[in-house]
Amino acid sequence: MFTLNCRGRILTIETPVVMGIINVTPDSFFDDSRKQHLNDALQQAEIMLQQGAVILDVGGQSTRPGSSLLPPGEEAERVLPVIEALAQNFPAAYISVDTFYASVARLAVEAGACIINDISAGFMDEHMLAVAAELQAPYVCMHMHREKHSTIYRGRFYPRFQASTGGLETSKNKGDSCI
């Protein structure tokens, strides 16, 4: 059993949990996750929760290859109304914000998010780790290291842990990731 303190709410994990992804961006990887209108996002959240999602992850920044980097203010305009509405309509859900901006993370937590999901591992905003610690919000540290946003998927090398050898292996295979 694993427990996670989500800003005073304890998430007990005895088996894997599902995180539903709600992208409030017009150019996300997956068409069906794109919910640009508040009512669409709320309807999708309700379906996800009914189907067993425990965490709802809200993102406003596309990270697909060739996407443009949004400034923090524009990202916040996309995610904050959705996070506020989710927190009000689904108080039992754990809400995660998918951002690499510390300022957006702070505003999202104030709006009702209780988890920060950062694909840049803190490298795109030098204040992110301090803000996550200050907010006492669980921090999901993802795969994008010190690369620029626009080159995130070009020629990427991912270290892969090899349990049998106890070492690291470098792989160019699409889909490999850190474990």
Foldseek 3Di string as FASTA:
>chain_A
DDWDQLLNDIDDPPDDAAEAEAELEPDAPDPVNHDVDLVSLVVSVVVCVVVGHQEYEYWHAHLPAPGDGDDLVVRLVRGLVNLLVCCVPPVRHAYEYEDLELVSRLSSVVSHHRAYEYQAQNQVPVCNVVSCVVSVGHYHGHDRYNDDSNCRLPQDWAWEQDPVVRDTDIDSDPPGHYD
